[in-house]
N, C-alpha and C. Protein backbone atom coordinates (compact mmCIF):
# COMPACT_ATOMS: atom_id res chain seq x y z
N MET A 1 102.54 281.59 220.71
CA MET A 1 103.89 282.12 220.66
C MET A 1 103.81 283.62 220.89
N ASP A 2 104.76 284.12 221.68
CA ASP A 2 104.90 285.56 221.88
C ASP A 2 106.38 285.88 222.06
N ASN A 3 106.71 287.12 222.42
CA ASN A 3 108.11 287.50 222.49
C ASN A 3 108.85 286.94 223.71
N THR A 4 108.19 286.14 224.53
CA THR A 4 108.85 285.51 225.66
C THR A 4 109.19 284.05 225.39
N THR A 5 108.84 283.54 224.20
CA THR A 5 109.09 282.14 223.87
C THR A 5 109.95 282.05 222.61
N ASN A 6 110.54 280.87 222.39
CA ASN A 6 111.29 280.63 221.16
C ASN A 6 110.33 280.47 219.99
N ALA A 7 110.69 281.03 218.84
CA ALA A 7 109.88 280.82 217.63
C ALA A 7 110.02 279.38 217.15
N LEU A 8 111.12 278.76 217.46
CA LEU A 8 111.39 277.38 217.06
C LEU A 8 111.56 276.55 218.33
N ASN A 9 110.92 275.38 218.38
CA ASN A 9 111.11 274.52 219.55
C ASN A 9 111.60 273.12 219.18
N TRP A 10 111.60 272.75 217.91
CA TRP A 10 112.08 271.44 217.48
C TRP A 10 112.40 271.50 216.00
N PHE A 11 113.41 270.77 215.56
CA PHE A 11 113.70 270.67 214.12
C PHE A 11 114.04 269.23 213.78
N GLU A 12 113.79 268.88 212.53
CA GLU A 12 114.12 267.55 212.03
C GLU A 12 114.82 267.70 210.69
N ILE A 13 115.96 267.02 210.54
CA ILE A 13 116.72 267.01 209.30
C ILE A 13 116.51 265.64 208.67
N ALA A 14 115.99 265.65 207.46
CA ALA A 14 115.62 264.40 206.79
C ALA A 14 116.85 263.61 206.34
N THR A 15 116.72 262.28 206.37
CA THR A 15 117.77 261.40 205.88
C THR A 15 117.16 260.16 205.23
N ASN A 16 117.88 259.62 204.26
CA ASN A 16 117.53 258.32 203.69
C ASN A 16 118.42 257.22 204.26
N ASP A 17 119.57 257.61 204.81
CA ASP A 17 120.53 256.66 205.37
C ASP A 17 120.89 257.15 206.77
N LEU A 18 120.20 256.64 207.76
CA LEU A 18 120.34 257.11 209.14
C LEU A 18 121.75 256.93 209.68
N ASP A 19 122.38 255.79 209.41
CA ASP A 19 123.74 255.56 209.91
C ASP A 19 124.73 256.55 209.32
N ARG A 20 124.63 256.78 208.01
CA ARG A 20 125.54 257.71 207.34
C ARG A 20 125.35 259.13 207.88
N ALA A 21 124.10 259.55 208.02
CA ALA A 21 123.81 260.90 208.52
C ALA A 21 124.29 261.06 209.97
N GLN A 22 124.06 260.04 210.78
CA GLN A 22 124.50 260.10 212.18
C GLN A 22 126.03 260.25 212.24
N LYS A 23 126.74 259.45 211.46
CA LYS A 23 128.20 259.53 211.45
C LYS A 23 128.65 260.92 211.01
N PHE A 24 128.00 261.49 210.01
CA PHE A 24 128.35 262.82 209.52
C PHE A 24 128.20 263.87 210.62
N TYR A 25 127.03 263.96 211.24
CA TYR A 25 126.78 264.99 212.24
C TYR A 25 127.61 264.77 213.51
N GLU A 26 127.81 263.53 213.90
CA GLU A 26 128.66 263.27 215.07
C GLU A 26 130.11 263.69 214.79
N THR A 27 130.57 263.47 213.56
CA THR A 27 131.93 263.85 213.19
C THR A 27 132.09 265.36 213.10
N VAL A 28 131.19 266.02 212.40
CA VAL A 28 131.30 267.46 212.19
C VAL A 28 131.21 268.23 213.51
N PHE A 29 130.25 267.89 214.35
CA PHE A 29 130.03 268.65 215.58
C PHE A 29 130.66 268.00 216.82
N ASN A 30 131.38 266.89 216.62
CA ASN A 30 132.06 266.21 217.72
C ASN A 30 131.09 265.93 218.88
N ILE A 31 129.97 265.27 218.54
CA ILE A 31 128.90 264.98 219.50
C ILE A 31 128.54 263.50 219.45
N LYS A 32 127.71 263.07 220.36
CA LYS A 32 127.12 261.73 220.37
C LYS A 32 125.61 261.91 220.26
N MET A 33 124.99 261.28 219.28
CA MET A 33 123.55 261.37 219.08
C MET A 33 122.88 260.13 219.67
N GLU A 34 121.74 260.33 220.30
CA GLU A 34 121.01 259.25 220.95
C GLU A 34 119.82 258.81 220.09
N PRO A 35 119.57 257.49 219.98
CA PRO A 35 118.44 257.00 219.18
C PRO A 35 117.10 257.19 219.90
N MET A 36 116.08 257.43 219.11
CA MET A 36 114.70 257.45 219.59
C MET A 36 113.84 257.00 218.41
N ASP A 37 113.44 255.75 218.43
CA ASP A 37 112.68 255.20 217.32
C ASP A 37 111.23 254.98 217.72
N LEU A 38 110.34 255.40 216.85
CA LEU A 38 108.91 255.21 217.02
C LEU A 38 108.43 254.22 215.96
N ASP A 39 107.15 253.94 215.91
CA ASP A 39 106.62 252.95 214.97
C ASP A 39 107.05 253.19 213.53
N GLN A 40 106.86 254.42 213.02
CA GLN A 40 107.15 254.70 211.62
C GLN A 40 108.19 255.80 211.45
N LEU A 41 109.00 255.99 212.48
CA LEU A 41 109.93 257.11 212.51
C LEU A 41 111.20 256.69 213.25
N GLN A 42 112.34 256.87 212.61
CA GLN A 42 113.62 256.59 213.27
C GLN A 42 114.35 257.92 213.44
N MET A 43 114.81 258.21 214.65
CA MET A 43 115.48 259.47 214.93
C MET A 43 116.79 259.24 215.65
N ARG A 44 117.72 260.16 215.41
CA ARG A 44 118.95 260.26 216.19
C ARG A 44 118.98 261.71 216.67
N MET A 45 118.90 261.86 217.98
CA MET A 45 118.70 263.19 218.56
C MET A 45 120.00 263.91 218.85
N PHE A 46 120.01 265.22 218.53
CA PHE A 46 121.12 266.07 218.90
C PHE A 46 121.14 266.22 220.42
N PRO A 47 122.31 266.45 221.02
CA PRO A 47 122.36 266.60 222.48
C PRO A 47 121.44 267.72 222.95
N GLY A 48 120.78 267.50 224.07
CA GLY A 48 119.89 268.50 224.62
C GLY A 48 119.36 268.04 225.95
N GLU A 49 118.67 268.94 226.61
CA GLU A 49 118.12 268.63 227.93
C GLU A 49 116.64 268.30 227.87
N GLY A 50 116.02 268.44 226.71
CA GLY A 50 114.63 268.05 226.53
C GLY A 50 113.62 268.81 227.35
N ALA A 51 112.58 269.29 226.72
CA ALA A 51 111.39 269.88 227.35
C ALA A 51 111.73 270.90 228.44
N ASN A 52 112.79 271.67 228.23
CA ASN A 52 113.15 272.69 229.21
C ASN A 52 113.11 274.09 228.62
N GLY A 53 112.48 274.23 227.48
CA GLY A 53 112.38 275.53 226.83
C GLY A 53 113.48 275.80 225.82
N LYS A 54 114.50 274.93 225.77
CA LYS A 54 115.56 275.08 224.78
C LYS A 54 115.18 274.31 223.53
N VAL A 55 115.65 274.79 222.39
CA VAL A 55 115.35 274.15 221.11
C VAL A 55 116.11 272.83 221.00
N GLY A 56 115.43 271.80 220.53
CA GLY A 56 116.04 270.50 220.30
C GLY A 56 115.75 270.03 218.88
N GLY A 57 116.41 268.94 218.48
CA GLY A 57 116.16 268.43 217.15
C GLY A 57 116.81 267.08 216.91
N ALA A 58 116.60 266.55 215.71
CA ALA A 58 117.08 265.22 215.37
C ALA A 58 117.24 265.07 213.87
N ILE A 59 118.03 264.07 213.48
CA ILE A 59 117.99 263.60 212.09
C ILE A 59 116.93 262.51 212.07
N VAL A 60 116.15 262.45 210.99
CA VAL A 60 114.97 261.59 210.98
C VAL A 60 114.84 260.85 209.65
N LYS A 61 114.48 259.58 209.75
CA LYS A 61 114.18 258.76 208.58
C LYS A 61 112.74 258.27 208.72
N SER A 62 111.93 258.57 207.71
CA SER A 62 110.55 258.09 207.66
C SER A 62 110.05 258.25 206.22
N GLY A 63 108.86 257.77 205.97
CA GLY A 63 108.25 257.93 204.65
C GLY A 63 107.87 259.37 204.34
N MET A 64 107.77 260.21 205.36
CA MET A 64 107.37 261.61 205.17
C MET A 64 108.57 262.55 205.04
N HIS A 65 109.75 262.12 205.42
CA HIS A 65 110.93 262.98 205.41
C HIS A 65 111.75 262.73 204.16
N LYS A 66 112.01 263.81 203.40
CA LYS A 66 112.79 263.70 202.18
C LYS A 66 113.89 264.76 202.20
N PRO A 67 115.16 264.35 202.10
CA PRO A 67 116.24 265.33 202.08
C PRO A 67 116.08 266.31 200.92
N SER A 68 116.49 267.57 201.15
CA SER A 68 116.36 268.59 200.13
C SER A 68 117.36 269.71 200.38
N LYS A 69 117.83 270.32 199.29
CA LYS A 69 118.67 271.50 199.42
C LYS A 69 117.85 272.78 199.32
N GLU A 70 116.55 272.64 199.12
CA GLU A 70 115.66 273.79 199.05
C GLU A 70 114.72 273.77 200.25
N GLY A 71 114.08 274.88 200.51
CA GLY A 71 113.13 274.93 201.61
C GLY A 71 113.70 275.61 202.83
N ALA A 72 113.15 275.30 203.98
CA ALA A 72 113.56 275.94 205.22
C ALA A 72 115.03 275.65 205.51
N LEU A 73 115.71 276.63 206.06
CA LEU A 73 117.12 276.50 206.41
C LEU A 73 117.26 276.63 207.91
N ILE A 74 117.91 275.67 208.53
CA ILE A 74 118.14 275.76 209.97
C ILE A 74 119.61 276.08 210.22
N TYR A 75 119.85 276.76 211.32
CA TYR A 75 121.20 277.11 211.74
C TYR A 75 121.54 276.31 212.99
N LEU A 76 122.58 275.49 212.92
CA LEU A 76 123.03 274.72 214.07
C LEU A 76 124.10 275.51 214.82
N ASN A 77 124.11 275.38 216.13
CA ASN A 77 125.03 276.10 216.99
C ASN A 77 126.43 275.50 216.88
N ALA A 78 127.38 276.30 216.43
CA ALA A 78 128.77 275.85 216.30
C ALA A 78 129.70 276.71 217.15
N ASN A 79 129.20 277.24 218.25
CA ASN A 79 130.02 278.05 219.15
C ASN A 79 131.13 277.23 219.77
N PRO A 80 132.26 277.80 220.09
CA PRO A 80 132.52 279.23 220.11
C PRO A 80 132.99 279.78 218.76
N ASP A 81 133.50 278.93 217.85
CA ASP A 81 133.98 279.37 216.54
C ASP A 81 133.64 278.29 215.53
N LEU A 82 132.80 278.60 214.56
CA LEU A 82 132.34 277.60 213.60
C LEU A 82 133.44 277.06 212.70
N SER A 83 134.61 277.67 212.70
CA SER A 83 135.71 277.21 211.84
C SER A 83 136.06 275.74 212.09
N ALA A 84 136.03 275.31 213.35
CA ALA A 84 136.38 273.92 213.68
C ALA A 84 135.39 272.95 213.04
N ALA A 85 134.09 273.16 213.25
CA ALA A 85 133.07 272.28 212.69
C ALA A 85 133.07 272.35 211.16
N LEU A 86 133.17 273.54 210.61
CA LEU A 86 133.15 273.71 209.16
C LEU A 86 134.35 273.00 208.53
N GLY A 87 135.48 272.99 209.23
CA GLY A 87 136.67 272.31 208.75
C GLY A 87 136.52 270.80 208.68
N ARG A 88 135.54 270.24 209.37
CA ARG A 88 135.31 268.79 209.35
C ARG A 88 134.24 268.37 208.34
N VAL A 89 133.53 269.32 207.74
CA VAL A 89 132.41 269.00 206.84
C VAL A 89 132.85 268.14 205.66
N GLU A 90 133.84 268.57 204.91
CA GLU A 90 134.22 267.83 203.71
C GLU A 90 134.91 266.51 204.04
N LYS A 91 135.67 266.47 205.12
CA LYS A 91 136.30 265.21 205.56
C LYS A 91 135.24 264.18 205.93
N ALA A 92 134.07 264.65 206.39
CA ALA A 92 132.99 263.76 206.80
C ALA A 92 132.06 263.40 205.64
N GLY A 93 132.33 263.92 204.44
CA GLY A 93 131.54 263.57 203.27
C GLY A 93 130.57 264.64 202.80
N GLY A 94 130.56 265.80 203.44
CA GLY A 94 129.68 266.90 203.04
C GLY A 94 130.41 267.87 202.12
N LYS A 95 129.78 269.02 201.88
CA LYS A 95 130.36 270.04 201.00
C LYS A 95 130.09 271.41 201.60
N VAL A 96 131.12 272.24 201.69
CA VAL A 96 130.94 273.62 202.15
C VAL A 96 130.33 274.41 201.00
N LEU A 97 129.18 275.04 201.25
CA LEU A 97 128.50 275.84 200.23
C LEU A 97 128.84 277.32 200.36
N MET A 98 129.05 277.80 201.58
CA MET A 98 129.45 279.18 201.84
C MET A 98 130.41 279.17 203.01
N PRO A 99 131.61 279.73 202.85
CA PRO A 99 132.58 279.71 203.95
C PRO A 99 132.12 280.59 205.11
N LYS A 100 132.89 280.54 206.18
CA LYS A 100 132.61 281.37 207.35
C LYS A 100 132.49 282.82 206.90
N THR A 101 131.35 283.42 207.21
CA THR A 101 131.04 284.76 206.75
C THR A 101 130.62 285.63 207.93
N HIS A 102 131.20 286.80 208.03
CA HIS A 102 130.89 287.73 209.12
C HIS A 102 129.51 288.36 208.87
N ILE A 103 128.63 288.27 209.84
CA ILE A 103 127.31 288.91 209.75
C ILE A 103 127.43 290.32 210.30
N SER A 104 127.79 290.42 211.57
CA SER A 104 128.05 291.71 212.24
C SER A 104 128.75 291.40 213.55
N ASP A 105 129.31 292.44 214.18
CA ASP A 105 129.99 292.23 215.45
C ASP A 105 129.03 291.73 216.52
N ASP A 106 127.79 292.18 216.49
CA ASP A 106 126.79 291.77 217.49
C ASP A 106 126.26 290.37 217.25
N ILE A 107 126.13 289.97 215.99
CA ILE A 107 125.49 288.68 215.67
C ILE A 107 126.51 287.56 215.50
N GLY A 108 127.66 287.83 214.92
CA GLY A 108 128.67 286.81 214.75
C GLY A 108 128.87 286.37 213.32
N TYR A 109 128.97 285.04 213.13
CA TYR A 109 129.34 284.46 211.83
C TYR A 109 128.38 283.34 211.43
N MET A 110 128.34 283.09 210.12
CA MET A 110 127.52 281.99 209.60
C MET A 110 128.28 281.29 208.49
N ALA A 111 127.85 280.08 208.17
CA ALA A 111 128.37 279.31 207.03
C ALA A 111 127.28 278.34 206.60
N PHE A 112 127.30 277.95 205.33
CA PHE A 112 126.34 276.98 204.81
C PHE A 112 127.09 275.74 204.35
N PHE A 113 126.47 274.57 204.51
CA PHE A 113 127.05 273.33 204.02
C PHE A 113 125.97 272.39 203.54
N MET A 114 126.36 271.40 202.73
CA MET A 114 125.46 270.34 202.32
C MET A 114 125.90 269.09 203.05
N ASP A 115 124.95 268.40 203.71
CA ASP A 115 125.30 267.18 204.43
C ASP A 115 125.36 265.99 203.48
N THR A 116 125.62 264.83 204.00
CA THR A 116 125.74 263.62 203.18
C THR A 116 124.41 263.19 202.58
N GLU A 117 123.31 263.76 203.05
CA GLU A 117 121.97 263.39 202.57
C GLU A 117 121.45 264.31 201.49
N GLY A 118 122.16 265.43 201.22
CA GLY A 118 121.72 266.40 200.23
C GLY A 118 120.95 267.56 200.82
N ASN A 119 120.96 267.70 202.15
CA ASN A 119 120.31 268.83 202.81
C ASN A 119 121.25 270.01 202.90
N ALA A 120 120.75 271.21 202.58
CA ALA A 120 121.50 272.43 202.83
C ALA A 120 121.20 272.81 204.28
N VAL A 121 122.26 273.02 205.07
CA VAL A 121 122.16 273.35 206.48
C VAL A 121 123.13 274.48 206.75
N ALA A 122 122.85 275.28 207.78
CA ALA A 122 123.74 276.37 208.13
C ALA A 122 124.27 276.16 209.54
N MET A 123 125.33 276.89 209.85
CA MET A 123 125.82 276.91 211.23
C MET A 123 126.11 278.36 211.60
N HIS A 124 126.08 278.63 212.89
CA HIS A 124 126.29 279.96 213.41
C HIS A 124 127.23 279.88 214.62
N SER A 125 128.05 280.91 214.79
CA SER A 125 128.85 281.03 216.01
C SER A 125 129.10 282.51 216.29
N ASN A 126 129.44 282.77 217.53
CA ASN A 126 129.73 284.14 217.93
C ASN A 126 131.12 284.57 217.48
N GLY A 127 132.03 283.61 217.36
CA GLY A 127 133.39 283.93 216.97
C GLY A 127 133.79 283.27 215.70
């Protein structure tokens, strides 16, 4: 890794109930997630172009993945304005932990939420 590459290239959000988590993220971000299941790992992938240098990720169910509100925090892209996605969090069964908060004019806004699995997750937008 150097300053010409992304520090992050993949993320996984743990779930115990794959269908519930998929419904939550599809509802909040108004997206369609695609399945990718391996021998001991079930995934529903966030939209992406794959292996093109852009960060990708998935919700994952396996014996190694355990939902948690502690630990690493990931920020999901909610551009152009995170207010729309954040407004769907509680209707989809999650909980807003921190409302839309201004970081700076250059960086934009952030918010924190808890998903249906008990994971603390963040979102970011420019507006």
